[in-house]
Amino acid sequence: MKLEIRGAEKLSFREKQAVILKETGHSNEAIAKRMGVNTATVATLLSRARSKGYEVVIIISTTLGIYGAENEENEEEV
């Protein structure tokens, strides 16, 4: 599985950092600690990023067991 952030070119470097951490499941508190800022700054970075209209797309390379194993093998070949 991969994450793609569409519209990332509109975001500042720090906004991208905050967005990536948030979209990979980190709390605002964890993001603040990792970035060396306070949680209010994280909230501001995320708010600014949302206002710029980025979009996160999940790219899944398998069928997650929804189809039979034979279909999953064929899908990986594509």
Protein backbone atom coordinates (compact mmCIF):
# COMPACT_ATOMS: atom_id res chain seq x y z
CA MET A 1 0.00 0.00 0.00
CA LYS A 2 1.21 3.48 -0.87
CA LEU A 3 -0.11 6.94 -0.03
CA GLU A 4 -0.14 9.62 -2.68
CA ILE A 5 -0.71 13.24 -1.72
CA ARG A 6 -2.25 15.10 -4.62
CA GLY A 7 -1.77 18.84 -4.47
CA ALA A 8 1.37 18.45 -2.34
CA GLU A 9 3.13 21.06 -4.47
CA LYS A 10 0.85 23.68 -2.88
CA LEU A 11 2.05 22.79 0.63
CA SER A 12 5.05 24.16 2.48
CA PHE A 13 7.75 21.76 3.62
CA ARG A 14 6.48 21.82 7.24
CA GLU A 15 2.86 21.35 6.12
CA LYS A 16 3.92 18.29 4.09
CA GLN A 17 5.69 16.86 7.13
CA ALA A 18 2.63 17.34 9.33
CA VAL A 19 0.26 15.93 6.70
CA ILE A 20 2.38 12.83 6.10
CA LEU A 21 2.61 12.11 9.80
CA LYS A 22 -1.12 12.71 10.33
CA GLU A 23 -2.16 10.58 7.36
CA THR A 24 0.02 7.72 8.56
CA GLY A 25 -1.85 7.61 11.87
CA HIS A 26 0.12 9.84 14.23
CA SER A 27 -1.67 11.99 16.80
CA ASN A 28 -1.17 15.74 16.93
CA GLU A 29 0.80 15.25 20.14
CA ALA A 30 3.12 12.70 18.49
CA ILE A 31 3.55 14.97 15.46
CA ALA A 32 4.42 17.92 17.70
CA LYS A 33 7.03 15.91 19.55
CA ARG A 34 8.58 14.55 16.36
CA MET A 35 8.67 17.98 14.67
CA GLY A 36 9.84 19.80 17.79
CA VAL A 37 6.86 22.18 17.91
CA ASN A 38 3.79 22.54 20.11
CA THR A 39 0.39 21.01 19.32
CA ALA A 40 -1.09 24.40 18.42
CA THR A 41 1.52 24.73 15.68
CA VAL A 42 0.62 21.26 14.38
CA ALA A 43 -3.06 22.21 14.31
CA THR A 44 -2.18 25.38 12.39
CA LEU A 45 -0.02 23.49 9.87
CA LEU A 46 -2.77 20.93 9.26
CA SER A 47 -5.43 23.63 8.97
CA ARG A 48 -3.37 25.56 6.42
CA ALA A 49 -2.72 22.38 4.47
CA ARG A 50 -6.44 21.53 4.37
CA SER A 51 -7.27 25.04 3.18
CA LYS A 52 -4.89 24.52 0.25
CA GLY A 53 -6.91 21.51 -0.86
CA TYR A 54 -4.55 18.55 -0.82
CA GLU A 55 -6.02 15.08 -1.34
CA VAL A 56 -4.69 11.76 -0.04
CA VAL A 57 -5.11 8.73 -2.27
CA ILE A 58 -4.37 5.18 -1.10
CA ILE A 59 -2.87 2.92 -3.75
CA ILE A 60 -3.44 -0.72 -2.89
CA SER A 61 -1.50 -3.28 -4.90
CA THR A 62 -3.53 -6.36 -3.93
CA THR A 63 -7.19 -7.32 -3.75
CA LEU A 64 -6.99 -7.78 0.04
CA GLY A 65 -8.39 -11.28 -0.24
CA ILE A 66 -11.71 -10.09 -1.67
CA TYR A 67 -11.28 -12.24 -4.77
CA GLY A 68 -9.83 -15.70 -5.06
CA ALA A 69 -6.09 -16.26 -5.03
CA GLU A 70 -6.05 -16.78 -8.79
CA ASN A 71 -7.42 -13.26 -9.39
CA GLU A 72 -4.90 -11.74 -6.99
CA GLU A 73 -2.04 -13.38 -8.88
CA ASN A 74 -3.36 -12.02 -12.17
CA GLU A 75 -3.77 -8.53 -10.74
CA GLU A 76 -0.16 -8.43 -9.55
CA GLU A 77 1.01 -9.18 -13.08
CA VAL A 78 -0.70 -6.08 -14.48
